[in-house]
Amino acid sequence: MNKAELIEALSVHFAGNKAEAARMLNVVVETIIHETARHGKVGITGFGVFETVPREQRIVRNPRTGERKTAEATTIVRFRPGSDMKAYVTGEKELPPPLATVRDVRGPRKKK
């Protein structure tokens, strides 16, 4: 699923209004990015945790040329899935039915 498809799926909760669904998704994503950058961690219970992790300076190799060089120390973002997400993905828990579907808003597909 890409961003456009996610907006489409979310639009059912906004009476089919894709612009409002896109605005809501953008606000959530921007807030997660901003707060992770500022505080180093954003946790959403059951979903997961976005956190910054320092990466040490290390030696890397260009796979094409074999040249070795030093990669500077940096900070990366990691996502750790929450317990509910892990349980749904592994099948330990059965997925609940969706609250609504795109078809609920659009109606049945038109036949050609």
C-alpha atoms as a PDB file:
ATOM      1  CA  MET A   1       0.000   0.000   0.000  1.00  0.00           C
ATOM      2  CA  ASN A   2       1.389   3.411  -0.931  1.00  0.00           C
ATOM      3  CA  LYS A   3       0.392   6.849   0.360  1.00  0.00           C
ATOM      4  CA  ALA A   4      -2.331   7.392  -2.265  1.00  0.00           C
ATOM      5  CA  GLU A   5      -3.891   4.022  -1.444  1.00  0.00           C
ATOM      6  CA  LEU A   6      -3.710   4.777   2.278  1.00  0.00           C
ATOM      7  CA  ILE A   7      -5.478   8.097   1.711  1.00  0.00           C
ATOM      8  CA  GLU A   8      -8.127   6.252  -0.304  1.00  0.00           C
ATOM      9  CA  ALA A   9      -8.637   3.769   2.546  1.00  0.00           C
ATOM     10  CA  LEU A  10      -8.791   6.561   5.153  1.00  0.00           C
ATOM     11  CA  SER A  11     -11.235   8.630   3.110  1.00  0.00           C
ATOM     12  CA  VAL A  12     -14.083   6.293   4.099  1.00  0.00           C
ATOM     13  CA  HIS A  13     -13.832   7.761   7.596  1.00  0.00           C
ATOM     14  CA  PHE A  14     -14.217  11.268   6.145  1.00  0.00           C
ATOM     15  CA  ALA A  15     -17.349  10.630   4.049  1.00  0.00           C
ATOM     16  CA  GLY A  16     -15.204   9.920   1.004  1.00  0.00           C
ATOM     17  CA  ASN A  17     -13.353  13.249   1.271  1.00  0.00           C
ATOM     18  CA  LYS A  18      -9.835  12.418   0.074  1.00  0.00           C
ATOM     19  CA  ALA A  19      -8.547  15.958   0.689  1.00  0.00           C
ATOM     20  CA  GLU A  20      -9.509  15.794   4.355  1.00  0.00           C
ATOM     21  CA  ALA A  21      -8.059  12.270   4.687  1.00  0.00           C
ATOM     22  CA  ALA A  22      -4.790  13.450   3.073  1.00  0.00           C
ATOM     23  CA  ARG A  23      -4.623  16.465   5.389  1.00  0.00           C
ATOM     24  CA  MET A  24      -5.150  14.245   8.456  1.00  0.00           C
ATOM     25  CA  LEU A  25      -2.518  11.735   7.309  1.00  0.00           C
ATOM     26  CA  ASN A  26      -0.008  14.529   6.612  1.00  0.00           C
ATOM     27  CA  VAL A  27      -0.596  16.043  10.072  1.00  0.00           C
ATOM     28  CA  VAL A  28       0.008  12.665  11.749  1.00  0.00           C
ATOM     29  CA  VAL A  29       3.165  11.931   9.726  1.00  0.00           C
ATOM     30  CA  GLU A  30       4.581  15.448  10.236  1.00  0.00           C
ATOM     31  CA  THR A  31       3.894  15.247  13.973  1.00  0.00           C
ATOM     32  CA  ILE A  32       5.665  11.874  14.259  1.00  0.00           C
ATOM     33  CA  ILE A  33       8.660  13.200  12.290  1.00  0.00           C
ATOM     34  CA  HIS A  34       8.856  16.438  14.303  1.00  0.00           C
ATOM     35  CA  GLU A  35       8.524  14.787  17.705  1.00  0.00           C
ATOM     36  CA  THR A  36      10.963  11.977  16.849  1.00  0.00           C
ATOM     37  CA  ALA A  37      13.534  14.554  15.737  1.00  0.00           C
ATOM     38  CA  ARG A  38      12.940  16.719  18.824  1.00  0.00           C
ATOM     39  CA  HIS A  39      12.611  14.116  21.556  1.00  0.00           C
ATOM     40  CA  GLY A  40      14.095  10.977  20.028  1.00  0.00           C
ATOM     41  CA  LYS A  41      11.060   8.759  20.559  1.00  0.00           C
ATOM     42  CA  VAL A  42       7.373   8.500  19.665  1.00  0.00           C
ATOM     43  CA  GLY A  43       5.397   5.508  20.933  1.00  0.00           C
ATOM     44  CA  ILE A  44       1.907   4.528  19.806  1.00  0.00           C
ATOM     45  CA  THR A  45       0.531   1.795  22.054  1.00  0.00           C
ATOM     46  CA  GLY A  46      -0.158  -1.413  20.145  1.00  0.00           C
ATOM     47  CA  PHE A  47       1.284   0.002  16.907  1.00  0.00           C
ATOM     48  CA  GLY A  48       4.953   0.614  17.662  1.00  0.00           C
ATOM     49  CA  VAL A  49       7.759   3.006  18.540  1.00  0.00           C
ATOM     50  CA  PHE A  50       9.724   5.373  16.298  1.00  0.00           C
ATOM     51  CA  GLU A  51      13.058   6.164  17.916  1.00  0.00           C
ATOM     52  CA  THR A  52      16.414   7.670  17.060  1.00  0.00           C
ATOM     53  CA  VAL A  53      19.492   5.489  17.483  1.00  0.00           C
ATOM     54  CA  PRO A  54      23.117   6.630  17.218  1.00  0.00           C
ATOM     55  CA  ARG A  55      25.217   4.813  14.630  1.00  0.00           C
ATOM     56  CA  GLU A  56      28.961   4.639  15.281  1.00  0.00           C
ATOM     57  CA  GLN A  57      31.627   5.629  12.777  1.00  0.00           C
ATOM     58  CA  ARG A  58      32.524   2.569  10.718  1.00  0.00           C
ATOM     59  CA  ILE A  59      34.425   1.289   7.706  1.00  0.00           C
ATOM     60  CA  VAL A  60      32.272   0.690   4.612  1.00  0.00           C
ATOM     61  CA  ARG A  61      33.098  -0.775   1.220  1.00  0.00           C
ATOM     62  CA  ASN A  62      31.889   0.252  -2.218  1.00  0.00           C
ATOM     63  CA  PRO A  63      30.594  -3.046  -3.670  1.00  0.00           C
ATOM     64  CA  ARG A  64      31.357  -1.986  -7.245  1.00  0.00           C
ATOM     65  CA  THR A  65      34.980  -0.890  -6.785  1.00  0.00           C
ATOM     66  CA  GLY A  66      35.905  -2.569  -3.506  1.00  0.00           C
ATOM     67  CA  GLU A  67      37.174   0.790  -2.195  1.00  0.00           C
ATOM     68  CA  ARG A  68      37.041   1.097   1.583  1.00  0.00           C
ATOM     69  CA  LYS A  69      36.251   4.368   3.308  1.00  0.00           C
ATOM     70  CA  THR A  70      35.034   5.683   6.636  1.00  0.00           C
ATOM     71  CA  ALA A  71      31.333   6.416   7.171  1.00  0.00           C
ATOM     72  CA  GLU A  72      30.877   9.145   9.743  1.00  0.00           C
ATOM     73  CA  ALA A  73      28.877   8.626  12.931  1.00  0.00           C
ATOM     74  CA  THR A  74      25.234   9.570  12.481  1.00  0.00           C
ATOM     75  CA  THR A  75      21.768   9.159  13.941  1.00  0.00           C
ATOM     76  CA  ILE A  76      19.164   6.941  12.291  1.00  0.00           C
ATOM     77  CA  VAL A  77      15.462   6.327  12.912  1.00  0.00           C
ATOM     78  CA  ARG A  78      14.229   2.863  13.769  1.00  0.00           C
ATOM     79  CA  PHE A  79      10.702   1.503  14.043  1.00  0.00           C
ATOM     80  CA  ARG A  80       9.937  -1.267  16.508  1.00  0.00           C
ATOM     81  CA  PRO A  81       6.490  -2.822  16.033  1.00  0.00           C
ATOM     82  CA  GLY A  82       4.224  -3.007  19.060  1.00  0.00           C
ATOM     83  CA  SER A  83       2.848  -6.204  20.573  1.00  0.00           C
ATOM     84  CA  ASP A  84      -0.558  -5.933  18.866  1.00  0.00           C
ATOM     85  CA  MET A  85       0.997  -5.362  15.452  1.00  0.00           C
ATOM     86  CA  LYS A  86       3.334  -8.332  15.933  1.00  0.00           C
ATOM     87  CA  ALA A  87       0.423 -10.547  17.011  1.00  0.00           C
ATOM     88  CA  TYR A  88      -1.708  -9.601  13.982  1.00  0.00           C
ATOM     89  CA  VAL A  89       1.159 -10.076  11.520  1.00  0.00           C
ATOM     90  CA  THR A  90       2.205 -13.455  12.934  1.00  0.00           C
ATOM     91  CA  GLY A  91      -1.382 -14.669  13.150  1.00  0.00           C
ATOM     92  CA  GLU A  92      -1.432 -15.006  16.947  1.00  0.00           C
ATOM     93  CA  LYS A  93      -4.408 -12.634  16.930  1.00  0.00           C
ATOM     94  CA  GLU A  94      -7.140 -12.543  14.334  1.00  0.00           C
ATOM     95  CA  LEU A  95      -7.467  -9.234  12.516  1.00  0.00           C
ATOM     96  CA  PRO A  96     -10.625  -7.350  13.517  1.00  0.00           C
ATOM     97  CA  PRO A  97     -12.960  -6.455  10.668  1.00  0.00           C
ATOM     98  CA  PRO A  98     -12.255  -3.057   9.108  1.00  0.00           C
ATOM     99  CA  LEU A  99     -14.363  -0.178  10.417  1.00  0.00           C
ATOM    100  CA  ALA A 100     -15.386   0.662   6.844  1.00  0.00           C
ATOM    101  CA  THR A 101     -14.190  -0.047   3.360  1.00  0.00           C
ATOM    102  CA  VAL A 102     -13.733   2.070   0.277  1.00  0.00           C
ATOM    103  CA  ARG A 103     -16.602   0.179  -1.335  1.00  0.00           C
ATOM    104  CA  ASP A 104     -18.912   1.307   1.537  1.00  0.00           C
ATOM    105  CA  VAL A 105     -18.421   4.912   0.450  1.00  0.00           C
ATOM    106  CA  ARG A 106     -18.285   4.446  -3.322  1.00  0.00           C
ATOM    107  CA  GLY A 107     -20.877   1.736  -3.638  1.00  0.00           C
ATOM    108  CA  PRO A 108     -20.482  -1.368  -5.782  1.00  0.00           C
ATOM    109  CA  ARG A 109     -18.159  -1.299  -8.792  1.00  0.00           C
ATOM    110  CA  LYS A 110     -19.728  -0.337 -12.089  1.00  0.00           C
ATOM    111  CA  LYS A 111     -19.733  -3.037 -14.745  1.00  0.00           C
ATOM    112  CA  LYS A 112     -18.362  -2.102 -18.156  1.00  0.00           C
END
